Each structure stands twice: as structure tokens, then as C-alpha cells.
Amino acid sequence: MRRQRYIFGICFVFCLMTLGCAVIRNNEGRMGRYAFLEKEAGWILEGEPIEFEGQMWYPEDGIDILLDAEVILRGEYRGVQIFTARTDVKPFHRLYTKFEHNKFRIFKAHHDPR
């Protein structure tokens, strides 16, 4: 009888540990929801602009470290997804393209002086 309780206790603890490991947790910030290319598109590295909402947006040297939850997908240009910050409103201040986990290239608009 004592041995049965001991075995039951071990099985019970093992089951609790297994269930605890299997619980699905919110993965926000741990895993990206937007895919990215292995390396940045050549046209971005060459400094070519994105045409977005009637403006030309040029890549900057700087990058921002952002979680996918901090950006909104706004479209696609030449096979690359375009994002804005979730808190940004029109007229947008920056566009982003994702090129690594949590790394986003900054694009800024250049206004035509005409």
C-alpha cells in the first residue's frame, strides 16, 4: 500500500511537471510575427527609395530595434514589407523595413521642393 502511494505520488508530480511545460504562454516579444529576408534587399542597400502614398522615402543609415507588436504592416514594395510605428499617425514620420529579428531599417520622406 505504501509503495503504491509512493508510485502514485511520483506519477502525479511528473504529470504536473509535464503539464506545466506544455502550457502555451503569450509569446509577445519572444517570437516575431513578421517574416524577414535573410539579408536586406540590394536596392535598399544601394539607397533606392520606396514610393509610398505619393512620396519618396529614402533609407537611412540608422536602424531601430522594435518588437513586431510595436509596428503595423502598411504594405509591400518590391517584395519587401513596409511598416510604420504603431503609435505613428498620418502624415507618417518614418517607414520601416524589417531585415533581422527586431531590426528595422528607417526610411524618411524627402519632399519635392517644386
PDB file of N, CA and C in Angstrom:
ATOM      1  N   MET A   1       0.827  -1.193   0.000  1.00  0.00           N
ATOM      2  CA  MET A   1       0.000   0.000   0.000  1.00  0.00           C
ATOM      3  C   MET A   1       0.876   1.264   0.000  1.00  0.00           C
ATOM      4  N   ARG A   2       1.905   1.235   0.831  1.00  0.00           N
ATOM      5  CA  ARG A   2       2.795   2.384   0.918  1.00  0.00           C
ATOM      6  C   ARG A   2       3.536   2.591  -0.394  1.00  0.00           C
ATOM      7  N   ARG A   3       3.944   1.492  -1.001  1.00  0.00           N
ATOM      8  CA  ARG A   3       4.663   1.576  -2.271  1.00  0.00           C
ATOM      9  C   ARG A   3       3.754   2.133  -3.374  1.00  0.00           C
ATOM     10  N   GLN A   4       2.479   1.770  -3.375  1.00  0.00           N
ATOM     11  CA  GLN A   4       1.541   2.265  -4.373  1.00  0.00           C
ATOM     12  C   GLN A   4       1.370   3.783  -4.255  1.00  0.00           C
ATOM     13  N   ARG A   5       1.278   4.274  -3.007  1.00  0.00           N
ATOM     14  CA  ARG A   5       1.163   5.727  -2.801  1.00  0.00           C
ATOM     15  C   ARG A   5       2.410   6.442  -3.281  1.00  0.00           C
ATOM     16  N   TYR A   6       3.554   5.841  -3.025  1.00  0.00           N
ATOM     17  CA  TYR A   6       4.819   6.427  -3.462  1.00  0.00           C
ATOM     18  C   TYR A   6       4.861   6.522  -4.986  1.00  0.00           C
ATOM     19  N   ILE A   7       4.502   5.448  -5.669  1.00  0.00           N
ATOM     20  CA  ILE A   7       4.491   5.443  -7.134  1.00  0.00           C
ATOM     21  C   ILE A   7       3.448   6.432  -7.655  1.00  0.00           C
ATOM     22  N   PHE A   8       2.270   6.457  -7.033  1.00  0.00           N
ATOM     23  CA  PHE A   8       1.234   7.403  -7.425  1.00  0.00           C
ATOM     24  C   PHE A   8       1.734   8.846  -7.247  1.00  0.00           C
ATOM     25  N   GLY A   9       2.398   9.119  -6.155  1.00  0.00           N
ATOM     26  CA  GLY A   9       2.926  10.467  -5.895  1.00  0.00           C
ATOM     27  C   GLY A   9       3.951  10.892  -6.940  1.00  0.00           C
ATOM     28  N   ILE A  10       4.845   9.978  -7.292  1.00  0.00           N
ATOM     29  CA  ILE A  10       5.849  10.268  -8.322  1.00  0.00           C
ATOM     30  C   ILE A  10       5.166  10.532  -9.665  1.00  0.00           C
ATOM     31  N   CYS A  11       4.197   9.695 -10.023  1.00  0.00           N
ATOM     32  CA  CYS A  11       3.469   9.887 -11.289  1.00  0.00           C
ATOM     33  C   CYS A  11       2.711  11.208 -11.291  1.00  0.00           C
ATOM     34  N   PHE A  12       2.119  11.564 -10.162  1.00  0.00           N
ATOM     35  CA  PHE A  12       1.370  12.811 -10.055  1.00  0.00           C
ATOM     36  C   PHE A  12       2.295  14.019 -10.251  1.00  0.00           C
ATOM     37  N   VAL A  13       3.436  14.002  -9.590  1.00  0.00           N
ATOM     38  CA  VAL A  13       4.403  15.094  -9.735  1.00  0.00           C
ATOM     39  C   VAL A  13       4.916  15.172 -11.172  1.00  0.00           C
ATOM     40  N   PHE A  14       5.213  14.048 -11.774  1.00  0.00           N
ATOM     41  CA  PHE A  14       5.675  14.005 -13.160  1.00  0.00           C
ATOM     42  C   PHE A  14       4.618  14.601 -14.101  1.00  0.00           C
ATOM     43  N   CYS A  15       3.351  14.228 -13.881  1.00  0.00           N
ATOM     44  CA  CYS A  15       2.263  14.769 -14.711  1.00  0.00           C
ATOM     45  C   CYS A  15       2.142  16.285 -14.552  1.00  0.00           C
ATOM     46  N   LEU A  16       2.251  16.780 -13.342  1.00  0.00           N
ATOM     47  CA  LEU A  16       2.193  18.229 -13.116  1.00  0.00           C
ATOM     48  C   LEU A  16       3.328  18.954 -13.827  1.00  0.00           C
ATOM     49  N   MET A  17       4.519  18.383 -13.767  1.00  0.00           N
ATOM     50  CA  MET A  17       5.661  18.996 -14.434  1.00  0.00           C
ATOM     51  C   MET A  17       5.459  18.996 -15.943  1.00  0.00           C
ATOM     52  N   THR A  18       4.947  17.896 -16.485  1.00  0.00           N
ATOM     53  CA  THR A  18       4.710  17.797 -17.915  1.00  0.00           C
ATOM     54  C   THR A  18       3.650  18.798 -18.356  1.00  0.00           C
ATOM     55  N   LEU A  19       2.573  18.906 -17.618  1.00  0.00           N
ATOM     56  CA  LEU A  19       1.524  19.863 -17.954  1.00  0.00           C
ATOM     57  C   LEU A  19       2.033  21.299 -17.857  1.00  0.00           C
ATOM     58  N   GLY A  20       2.850  21.574 -16.887  1.00  0.00           N
ATOM     59  CA  GLY A  20       3.409  22.911 -16.731  1.00  0.00           C
ATOM     60  C   GLY A  20       4.268  23.313 -17.909  1.00  0.00           C
ATOM     61  N   CYS A  21       4.992  22.385 -18.472  1.00  0.00           N
ATOM     62  CA  CYS A  21       5.830  22.663 -19.640  1.00  0.00           C
ATOM     63  C   CYS A  21       5.006  22.812 -20.903  1.00  0.00           C
ATOM     64  N   ALA A  22       3.829  22.196 -20.935  1.00  0.00           N
ATOM     65  CA  ALA A  22       3.011  22.206 -22.139  1.00  0.00           C
ATOM     66  C   ALA A  22       2.081  23.417 -22.218  1.00  0.00           C
ATOM     67  N   VAL A  23       1.980  24.182 -21.153  1.00  0.00           N
ATOM     68  CA  VAL A  23       1.092  25.342 -21.162  1.00  0.00           C
ATOM     69  C   VAL A  23       1.576  26.340 -22.207  1.00  0.00           C
ATOM     70  N   ILE A  24       0.667  26.788 -23.043  1.00  0.00           N
ATOM     71  CA  ILE A  24       1.012  27.775 -24.073  1.00  0.00           C
ATOM     72  C   ILE A  24       0.951  29.153 -23.444  1.00  0.00           C
ATOM     73  N   ARG A  25       2.029  29.859 -23.559  1.00  0.00           N
ATOM     74  CA  ARG A  25       2.106  31.200 -22.982  1.00  0.00           C
ATOM     75  C   ARG A  25       2.089  32.228 -24.105  1.00  0.00           C
ATOM     76  N   ASN A  26       1.744  33.439 -23.755  1.00  0.00           N
ATOM     77  CA  ASN A  26       1.786  34.536 -24.710  1.00  0.00           C
ATOM     78  C   ASN A  26       3.241  34.742 -25.109  1.00  0.00           C
ATOM     79  N   ASN A  27       3.549  34.673 -26.393  1.00  0.00           N
ATOM     80  CA  ASN A  27       4.937  34.777 -26.839  1.00  0.00           C
ATOM     81  C   ASN A  27       5.301  36.175 -27.300  1.00  0.00           C
ATOM     82  N   GLU A  28       4.518  37.170 -26.964  1.00  0.00           N
ATOM     83  CA  GLU A  28       4.785  38.532 -27.403  1.00  0.00           C
ATOM     84  C   GLU A  28       6.192  38.948 -27.004  1.00  0.00           C
ATOM     85  N   GLY A  29       6.939  39.380 -27.971  1.00  0.00           N
ATOM     86  CA  GLY A  29       8.296  39.821 -27.726  1.00  0.00           C
ATOM     87  C   GLY A  29       9.330  38.724 -27.846  1.00  0.00           C
ATOM     88  N   ARG A  30       8.913  37.481 -27.861  1.00  0.00           N
ATOM     89  CA  ARG A  30       9.855  36.377 -27.964  1.00  0.00           C
ATOM     90  C   ARG A  30       9.972  35.874 -29.390  1.00  0.00           C
ATOM     91  N   MET A  31       8.883  35.930 -30.120  1.00  0.00           N
ATOM     92  CA  MET A  31       8.880  35.397 -31.472  1.00  0.00           C
ATOM     93  C   MET A  31       8.207  36.415 -32.383  1.00  0.00           C
ATOM     94  N   GLY A  32       8.838  36.710 -33.488  1.00  0.00           N
ATOM     95  CA  GLY A  32       8.268  37.687 -34.393  1.00  0.00           C
ATOM     96  C   GLY A  32       7.075  37.148 -35.153  1.00  0.00           C
ATOM     97  N   ARG A  33       6.176  38.043 -35.486  1.00  0.00           N
ATOM     98  CA  ARG A  33       5.042  37.609 -36.290  1.00  0.00           C
ATOM     99  C   ARG A  33       5.236  37.965 -37.752  1.00  0.00           C
ATOM    100  N   TYR A  34       6.210  38.832 -38.060  1.00  0.00           N
ATOM    101  CA  TYR A  34       6.502  39.194 -39.432  1.00  0.00           C
ATOM    102  C   TYR A  34       7.812  38.540 -39.878  1.00  0.00           C
ATOM    103  N   ALA A  35       7.767  37.914 -41.024  1.00  0.00           N
ATOM    104  CA  ALA A  35       8.961  37.271 -41.566  1.00  0.00           C
ATOM    105  C   ALA A  35       9.924  38.330 -42.089  1.00  0.00           C
ATOM    106  N   PHE A  36      11.164  37.966 -42.264  1.00  0.00           N
ATOM    107  CA  PHE A  36      12.156  38.878 -42.830  1.00  0.00           C
ATOM    108  C   PHE A  36      13.090  38.092 -43.724  1.00  0.00           C
ATOM    109  N   LEU A  37      13.718  38.812 -44.641  1.00  0.00           N
ATOM    110  CA  LEU A  37      14.654  38.192 -45.563  1.00  0.00           C
ATOM    111  C   LEU A  37      15.962  37.904 -44.849  1.00  0.00           C
ATOM    112  N   GLU A  38      16.703  36.921 -45.339  1.00  0.00           N
ATOM    113  CA  GLU A  38      17.997  36.579 -44.746  1.00  0.00           C
ATOM    114  C   GLU A  38      18.960  37.759 -44.776  1.00  0.00           C
ATOM    115  N   LYS A  39      18.910  38.535 -45.850  1.00  0.00           N
ATOM    116  CA  LYS A  39      19.708  39.758 -45.905  1.00  0.00           C
ATOM    117  C   LYS A  39      18.868  40.826 -46.583  1.00  0.00           C
ATOM    118  N   GLU A  40      19.225  42.075 -46.334  1.00  0.00           N
ATOM    119  CA  GLU A  40      18.449  43.174 -46.889  1.00  0.00           C
ATOM    120  C   GLU A  40      18.484  43.162 -48.410  1.00  0.00           C
ATOM    121  N   ALA A  41      17.397  43.639 -48.983  1.00  0.00           N
ATOM    122  CA  ALA A  41      17.320  43.729 -50.445  1.00  0.00           C
ATOM    123  C   ALA A  41      18.422  44.656 -50.953  1.00  0.00           C
ATOM    124  N   GLY A  42      19.021  44.279 -52.082  1.00  0.00           N
ATOM    125  CA  GLY A  42      20.103  45.075 -52.663  1.00  0.00           C
ATOM    126  C   GLY A  42      19.700  46.492 -52.978  1.00  0.00           C
ATOM    127  N   TRP A  43      18.462  46.696 -53.426  1.00  0.00           N
ATOM    128  CA  TRP A  43      18.029  48.053 -53.767  1.00  0.00           C
ATOM    129  C   TRP A  43      17.969  48.952 -52.537  1.00  0.00           C
ATOM    130  N   ILE A  44      17.703  48.382 -51.362  1.00  0.00           N
ATOM    131  CA  ILE A  44      17.720  49.178 -50.122  1.00  0.00           C
ATOM    132  C   ILE A  44      19.160  49.568 -49.795  1.00  0.00           C
ATOM    133  N   LEU A  45      20.067  48.603 -49.877  1.00  0.00           N
ATOM    134  CA  LEU A  45      21.476  48.869 -49.569  1.00  0.00           C
ATOM    135  C   LEU A  45      22.096  49.866 -50.549  1.00  0.00           C
ATOM    136  N   GLU A  46      21.544  49.933 -51.765  1.00  0.00           N
ATOM    137  CA  GLU A  46      22.029  50.898 -52.759  1.00  0.00           C
ATOM    138  C   GLU A  46      21.424  52.287 -52.557  1.00  0.00           C
ATOM    139  N   GLY A  47      20.520  52.419 -51.582  1.00  0.00           N
ATOM    140  CA  GLY A  47      19.945  53.725 -51.269  1.00  0.00           C
ATOM    141  C   GLY A  47      18.731  54.100 -52.097  1.00  0.00           C
ATOM    142  N   GLU A  48      18.166  53.136 -52.814  1.00  0.00           N
ATOM    143  CA  GLU A  48      16.990  53.427 -53.633  1.00  0.00           C
ATOM    144  C   GLU A  48      15.768  53.658 -52.740  1.00  0.00           C
ATOM    145  N   PRO A  49      14.884  54.559 -53.140  1.00  0.00           N
ATOM    146  CA  PRO A  49      13.734  54.915 -52.304  1.00  0.00           C
ATOM    147  C   PRO A  49      12.564  53.954 -52.442  1.00  0.00           C
ATOM    148  N   ILE A  50      11.651  54.101 -51.503  1.00  0.00           N
ATOM    149  CA  ILE A  50      10.338  53.460 -51.548  1.00  0.00           C
ATOM    150  C   ILE A  50       9.353  54.545 -51.955  1.00  0.00           C
ATOM    151  N   GLU A  51       8.478  54.231 -52.882  1.00  0.00           N
ATOM    152  CA  GLU A  51       7.392  55.162 -53.209  1.00  0.00           C
ATOM    153  C   GLU A  51       6.191  54.730 -52.392  1.00  0.00           C
ATOM    154  N   PHE A  52       5.741  55.614 -51.511  1.00  0.00           N
ATOM    155  CA  PHE A  52       4.645  55.287 -50.593  1.00  0.00           C
ATOM    156  C   PHE A  52       3.776  56.508 -50.408  1.00  0.00           C
ATOM    157  N   GLU A  53       2.489  56.372 -50.725  1.00  0.00           N
ATOM    158  CA  GLU A  53       1.495  57.435 -50.584  1.00  0.00           C
ATOM    159  C   GLU A  53       1.947  58.725 -51.256  1.00  0.00           C
ATOM    160  N   GLY A  54       2.482  58.591 -52.472  1.00  0.00           N
ATOM    161  CA  GLY A  54       2.842  59.756 -53.274  1.00  0.00           C
ATOM    162  C   GLY A  54       4.142  60.439 -52.885  1.00  0.00           C
ATOM    163  N   GLN A  55       4.897  59.864 -51.990  1.00  0.00           N
ATOM    164  CA  GLN A  55       6.179  60.442 -51.569  1.00  0.00           C
ATOM    165  C   GLN A  55       7.293  59.425 -51.776  1.00  0.00           C
ATOM    166  N   MET A  56       8.503  59.944 -51.886  1.00  0.00           N
ATOM    167  CA  MET A  56       9.680  59.091 -51.966  1.00  0.00           C
ATOM    168  C   MET A  56      10.301  59.028 -50.574  1.00  0.00           C
ATOM    169  N   TRP A  57      10.555  57.820 -50.112  1.00  0.00           N
ATOM    170  CA  TRP A  57      11.116  57.567 -48.792  1.00  0.00           C
ATOM    171  C   TRP A  57      12.474  56.906 -48.976  1.00  0.00           C
ATOM    172  N   TYR A  58      13.516  57.513 -48.416  1.00  0.00           N
ATOM    173  CA  TYR A  58      14.883  57.032 -48.611  1.00  0.00           C
ATOM    174  C   TYR A  58      15.408  56.344 -47.356  1.00  0.00           C
ATOM    175  N   PRO A  59      16.173  55.262 -47.548  1.00  0.00           N
ATOM    176  CA  PRO A  59      16.723  54.548 -46.389  1.00  0.00           C
ATOM    177  C   PRO A  59      17.785  55.379 -45.676  1.00  0.00           C
ATOM    178  N   GLU A  60      17.768  55.308 -44.374  1.00  0.00           N
ATOM    179  CA  GLU A  60      18.744  55.980 -43.526  1.00  0.00           C
ATOM    180  C   GLU A  60      19.787  54.954 -43.079  1.00  0.00           C
ATOM    181  N   ASP A  61      20.913  55.452 -42.591  1.00  0.00           N
ATOM    182  CA  ASP A  61      21.928  54.543 -42.058  1.00  0.00           C
ATOM    183  C   ASP A  61      21.480  53.898 -40.751  1.00  0.00           C
ATOM    184  N   GLY A  62      20.635  54.595 -40.013  1.00  0.00           N
ATOM    185  CA  GLY A  62      20.228  54.107 -38.707  1.00  0.00           C
ATOM    186  C   GLY A  62      19.181  53.019 -38.775  1.00  0.00           C
ATOM    187  N   ILE A  63      19.113  52.264 -37.692  1.00  0.00           N
ATOM    188  CA  ILE A  63      18.085  51.240 -37.534  1.00  0.00           C
ATOM    189  C   ILE A  63      17.406  51.448 -36.191  1.00  0.00           C
ATOM    190  N   ASP A  64      16.221  50.908 -36.073  1.00  0.00           N
ATOM    191  CA  ASP A  64      15.522  50.884 -34.796  1.00  0.00           C
ATOM    192  C   ASP A  64      15.337  49.435 -34.381  1.00  0.00           C
ATOM    193  N   ILE A  65      15.450  49.200 -33.084  1.00  0.00           N
ATOM    194  CA  ILE A  65      15.174  47.881 -32.518  1.00  0.00           C
ATOM    195  C   ILE A  65      13.738  47.938 -32.015  1.00  0.00           C
ATOM    196  N   LEU A  66      12.864  47.187 -32.672  1.00  0.00           N
ATOM    197  CA  LEU A  66      11.441  47.203 -32.341  1.00  0.00           C
ATOM    198  C   LEU A  66      10.905  45.780 -32.277  1.00  0.00           C
ATOM    199  N   LEU A  67       9.915  45.579 -31.439  1.00  0.00           N
ATOM    200  CA  LEU A  67       9.181  44.315 -31.442  1.00  0.00           C
ATOM    201  C   LEU A  67       8.141  44.376 -32.546  1.00  0.00           C
ATOM    202  N   ASP A  68       7.764  43.237 -33.058  1.00  0.00           N
ATOM    203  CA  ASP A  68       6.736  43.214 -34.098  1.00  0.00           C
ATOM    204  C   ASP A  68       5.431  43.827 -33.602  1.00  0.00           C
ATOM    205  N   ALA A  69       5.176  43.748 -32.313  1.00  0.00           N
ATOM    206  CA  ALA A  69       3.961  44.331 -31.742  1.00  0.00           C
ATOM    207  C   ALA A  69       3.990  45.852 -31.748  1.00  0.00           C
ATOM    208  N   GLU A  70       5.158  46.449 -31.983  1.00  0.00           N
ATOM    209  CA  GLU A  70       5.289  47.901 -31.980  1.00  0.00           C
ATOM    210  C   GLU A  70       5.135  48.519 -33.367  1.00  0.00           C
ATOM    211  N   VAL A  71       4.943  47.690 -34.393  1.00  0.00           N
ATOM    212  CA  VAL A  71       4.794  48.194 -35.753  1.00  0.00           C
ATOM    213  C   VAL A  71       3.511  47.658 -36.377  1.00  0.00           C
ATOM    214  N   ILE A  72       3.078  48.348 -37.447  1.00  0.00           N
ATOM    215  CA  ILE A  72       1.905  47.934 -38.218  1.00  0.00           C
ATOM    216  C   ILE A  72       2.342  47.774 -39.667  1.00  0.00           C
ATOM    217  N   LEU A  73       1.956  46.675 -40.261  1.00  0.00           N
ATOM    218  CA  LEU A  73       2.240  46.432 -41.671  1.00  0.00           C
ATOM    219  C   LEU A  73       1.350  47.347 -42.501  1.00  0.00           C
ATOM    220  N   ARG A  74       1.973  48.166 -43.369  1.00  0.00           N
ATOM    221  CA  ARG A  74       1.223  49.132 -44.188  1.00  0.00           C
ATOM    222  C   ARG A  74       1.182  48.744 -45.660  1.00  0.00           C
ATOM    223  N   GLY A  75       2.024  47.829 -46.075  1.00  0.00           N
ATOM    224  CA  GLY A  75       2.037  47.428 -47.468  1.00  0.00           C
ATOM    225  C   GLY A  75       3.318  46.715 -47.818  1.00  0.00           C
ATOM    226  N   GLU A  76       3.537  46.610 -49.125  1.00  0.00           N
ATOM    227  CA  GLU A  76       4.726  45.939 -49.634  1.00  0.00           C
ATOM    228  C   GLU A  76       5.234  46.714 -50.842  1.00  0.00           C
ATOM    229  N   TYR A  77       6.549  46.765 -50.975  1.00  0.00           N
ATOM    230  CA  TYR A  77       7.175  47.440 -52.113  1.00  0.00           C
ATOM    231  C   TYR A  77       8.333  46.583 -52.590  1.00  0.00           C
ATOM    232  N   ARG A  78       8.281  46.190 -53.852  1.00  0.00           N
ATOM    233  CA  ARG A  78       9.330  45.380 -54.462  1.00  0.00           C
ATOM    234  C   ARG A  78       9.668  44.141 -53.626  1.00  0.00           C
ATOM    235  N   GLY A  79       8.637  43.505 -53.108  1.00  0.00           N
ATOM    236  CA  GLY A  79       8.810  42.274 -52.359  1.00  0.00           C
ATOM    237  C   GLY A  79       9.229  42.441 -50.912  1.00  0.00           C
ATOM    238  N   VAL A  80       9.254  43.675 -50.418  1.00  0.00           N
ATOM    239  CA  VAL A  80       9.666  43.944 -49.033  1.00  0.00           C
ATOM    240  C   VAL A  80       8.495  44.582 -48.288  1.00  0.00           C
ATOM    241  N   GLN A  81       8.196  44.072 -47.106  1.00  0.00           N
ATOM    242  CA  GLN A  81       7.106  44.629 -46.307  1.00  0.00           C
ATOM    243  C   GLN A  81       7.481  46.012 -45.779  1.00  0.00           C
ATOM    244  N   ILE A  82       6.482  46.902 -45.730  1.00  0.00           N
ATOM    245  CA  ILE A  82       6.662  48.272 -45.239  1.00  0.00           C
ATOM    246  C   ILE A  82       5.842  48.423 -43.967  1.00  0.00           C
ATOM    247  N   PHE A  83       6.461  49.008 -42.949  1.00  0.00           N
ATOM    248  CA  PHE A  83       5.824  49.178 -41.652  1.00  0.00           C
ATOM    249  C   PHE A  83       5.880  50.640 -41.207  1.00  0.00           C
ATOM    250  N   THR A  84       4.992  50.986 -40.270  1.00  0.00           N
ATOM    251  CA  THR A  84       5.103  52.227 -39.507  1.00  0.00           C
ATOM    252  C   THR A  84       5.024  51.842 -38.032  1.00  0.00           C
ATOM    253  N   ALA A  85       5.440  52.760 -37.191  1.00  0.00           N
ATOM    254  CA  ALA A  85       5.290  52.527 -35.756  1.00  0.00           C
ATOM    255  C   ALA A  85       3.801  52.490 -35.433  1.00  0.00           C
ATOM    256  N   ARG A  86       3.427  51.643 -34.524  1.00  0.00           N
ATOM    257  CA  ARG A  86       2.013  51.518 -34.138  1.00  0.00           C
ATOM    258  C   ARG A  86       1.470  52.852 -33.614  1.00  0.00           C
ATOM    259  N   THR A  87       2.319  53.659 -33.023  1.00  0.00           N
ATOM    260  CA  THR A  87       1.871  54.926 -32.438  1.00  0.00           C
ATOM    261  C   THR A  87       1.915  56.093 -33.422  1.00  0.00           C
ATOM    262  N   ASP A  88       2.436  55.879 -34.620  1.00  0.00           N
ATOM    263  CA  ASP A  88       2.552  56.950 -35.621  1.00  0.00           C
ATOM    264  C   ASP A  88       1.225  57.126 -36.355  1.00  0.00           C
ATOM    265  N   VAL A  89       0.889  58.387 -36.657  1.00  0.00           N
ATOM    266  CA  VAL A  89      -0.325  58.696 -37.410  1.00  0.00           C
ATOM    267  C   VAL A  89       0.048  59.489 -38.654  1.00  0.00           C
ATOM    268  N   LYS A  90      -0.872  59.548 -39.621  1.00  0.00           N
ATOM    269  CA  LYS A  90      -0.618  60.291 -40.858  1.00  0.00           C
ATOM    270  C   LYS A  90      -0.528  61.770 -40.555  1.00  0.00           C
ATOM    271  N   PRO A  91       0.356  62.479 -41.171  1.00  0.00           N
ATOM    272  CA  PRO A  91       1.393  62.020 -42.082  1.00  0.00           C
ATOM    273  C   PRO A  91       2.495  61.314 -41.284  1.00  0.00           C
ATOM    274  N   PHE A  92       2.893  60.143 -41.757  1.00  0.00           N
ATOM    275  CA  PHE A  92       3.866  59.326 -41.044  1.00  0.00           C
ATOM    276  C   PHE A  92       5.226  60.006 -40.995  1.00  0.00           C
ATOM    277  N   HIS A  93       5.949  59.774 -39.912  1.00  0.00           N
ATOM    278  CA  HIS A  93       7.282  60.350 -39.732  1.00  0.00           C
ATOM    279  C   HIS A  93       8.380  59.438 -40.274  1.00  0.00           C
ATOM    280  N   ARG A  94       8.139  58.128 -40.193  1.00  0.00           N
ATOM    281  CA  ARG A  94       9.129  57.143 -40.630  1.00  0.00           C
ATOM    282  C   ARG A  94       8.415  55.938 -41.215  1.00  0.00           C
ATOM    283  N   LEU A  95       9.094  55.301 -42.139  1.00  0.00           N
ATOM    284  CA  LEU A  95       8.708  53.967 -42.586  1.00  0.00           C
ATOM    285  C   LEU A  95       9.825  53.032 -42.163  1.00  0.00           C
ATOM    286  N   TYR A  96       9.504  51.765 -42.104  1.00  0.00           N
ATOM    287  CA  TYR A  96      10.497  50.756 -41.724  1.00  0.00           C
ATOM    288  C   TYR A  96      10.407  49.552 -42.658  1.00  0.00           C
ATOM    289  N   THR A  97      11.535  48.897 -42.846  1.00  0.00           N
ATOM    290  CA  THR A  97      11.573  47.561 -43.429  1.00  0.00           C
ATOM    291  C   THR A  97      12.311  46.684 -42.429  1.00  0.00           C
ATOM    292  N   LYS A  98      11.861  45.439 -42.302  1.00  0.00           N
ATOM    293  CA  LYS A  98      12.472  44.526 -41.346  1.00  0.00           C
ATOM    294  C   LYS A  98      13.551  43.721 -42.050  1.00  0.00           C
ATOM    295  N   PHE A  99      14.731  43.619 -41.411  1.00  0.00           N
ATOM    296  CA  PHE A  99      15.797  42.853 -42.042  1.00  0.00           C
ATOM    297  C   PHE A  99      16.448  41.833 -41.124  1.00  0.00           C
ATOM    298  N   GLU A 100      16.157  41.849 -39.867  1.00  0.00           N
ATOM    299  CA  GLU A 100      16.592  40.822 -38.921  1.00  0.00           C
ATOM    300  C   GLU A 100      15.581  40.789 -37.800  1.00  0.00           C
ATOM    301  N   HIS A 101      15.746  39.838 -36.901  1.00  0.00           N
ATOM    302  CA  HIS A 101      14.839  39.746 -35.757  1.00  0.00           C
ATOM    303  C   HIS A 101      14.904  41.049 -34.956  1.00  0.00           C
ATOM    304  N   ASN A 102      13.792  41.750 -34.900  1.00  0.00           N
ATOM    305  CA  ASN A 102      13.640  43.014 -34.162  1.00  0.00           C
ATOM    306  C   ASN A 102      14.468  44.174 -34.717  1.00  0.00           C
ATOM    307  N   LYS A 103      15.045  44.054 -35.916  1.00  0.00           N
ATOM    308  CA  LYS A 103      15.816  45.149 -36.510  1.00  0.00           C
ATOM    309  C   LYS A 103      15.070  45.694 -37.719  1.00  0.00           C
ATOM    310  N   PHE A 104      14.849  47.001 -37.696  1.00  0.00           N
ATOM    311  CA  PHE A 104      14.089  47.663 -38.746  1.00  0.00           C
ATOM    312  C   PHE A 104      14.889  48.823 -39.319  1.00  0.00           C
ATOM    313  N   ARG A 105      15.018  48.860 -40.643  1.00  0.00           N
ATOM    314  CA  ARG A 105      15.677  49.957 -41.349  1.00  0.00           C
ATOM    315  C   ARG A 105      14.737  51.159 -41.351  1.00  0.00           C
ATOM    316  N   ILE A 106      15.270  52.337 -41.079  1.00  0.00           N
ATOM    317  CA  ILE A 106      14.495  53.571 -41.058  1.00  0.00           C
ATOM    318  C   ILE A 106      14.490  54.191 -42.449  1.00  0.00           C
ATOM    319  N   PHE A 107      13.314  54.628 -42.897  1.00  0.00           N
ATOM    320  CA  PHE A 107      13.156  55.388 -44.139  1.00  0.00           C
ATOM    321  C   PHE A 107      12.500  56.715 -43.795  1.00  0.00           C
ATOM    322  N   LYS A 108      13.008  57.791 -44.384  1.00  0.00           N
ATOM    323  CA  LYS A 108      12.424  59.110 -44.168  1.00  0.00           C
ATOM    324  C   LYS A 108      12.034  59.719 -45.501  1.00  0.00           C
ATOM    325  N   ALA A 109      10.963  60.501 -45.464  1.00  0.00           N
ATOM    326  CA  ALA A 109      10.441  61.126 -46.679  1.00  0.00           C
ATOM    327  C   ALA A 109      11.301  62.311 -47.065  1.00  0.00           C
ATOM    328  N   HIS A 110      11.504  62.455 -48.366  1.00  0.00           N
ATOM    329  CA  HIS A 110      12.176  63.627 -48.929  1.00  0.00           C
ATOM    330  C   HIS A 110      11.143  64.343 -49.771  1.00  0.00           C
ATOM    331  N   HIS A 111      10.823  65.549 -49.394  1.00  0.00           N
ATOM    332  CA  HIS A 111       9.781  66.306 -50.081  1.00  0.00           C
ATOM    333  C   HIS A 111      10.338  66.970 -51.333  1.00  0.00           C
ATOM    334  N   ASP A 112       9.532  66.941 -52.362  1.00  0.00           N
ATOM    335  CA  ASP A 112       9.891  67.574 -53.635  1.00  0.00           C
ATOM    336  C   ASP A 112       9.737  69.091 -53.464  1.00  0.00           C
ATOM    337  N   PRO A 113      10.785  69.886 -53.706  1.00  0.00           N
ATOM    338  CA  PRO A 113      10.710  71.344 -53.463  1.00  0.00           C
ATOM    339  C   PRO A 113       9.878  72.094 -54.491  1.00  0.00           C
ATOM    340  N   ARG A 114       9.364  71.416 -55.517  1.00  0.00           N
ATOM    341  CA  ARG A 114       8.577  72.121 -56.552  1.00  0.00           C
ATOM    342  C   ARG A 114       7.372  72.809 -55.999  1.00  0.00           C
TER     343      ARG A 114
END
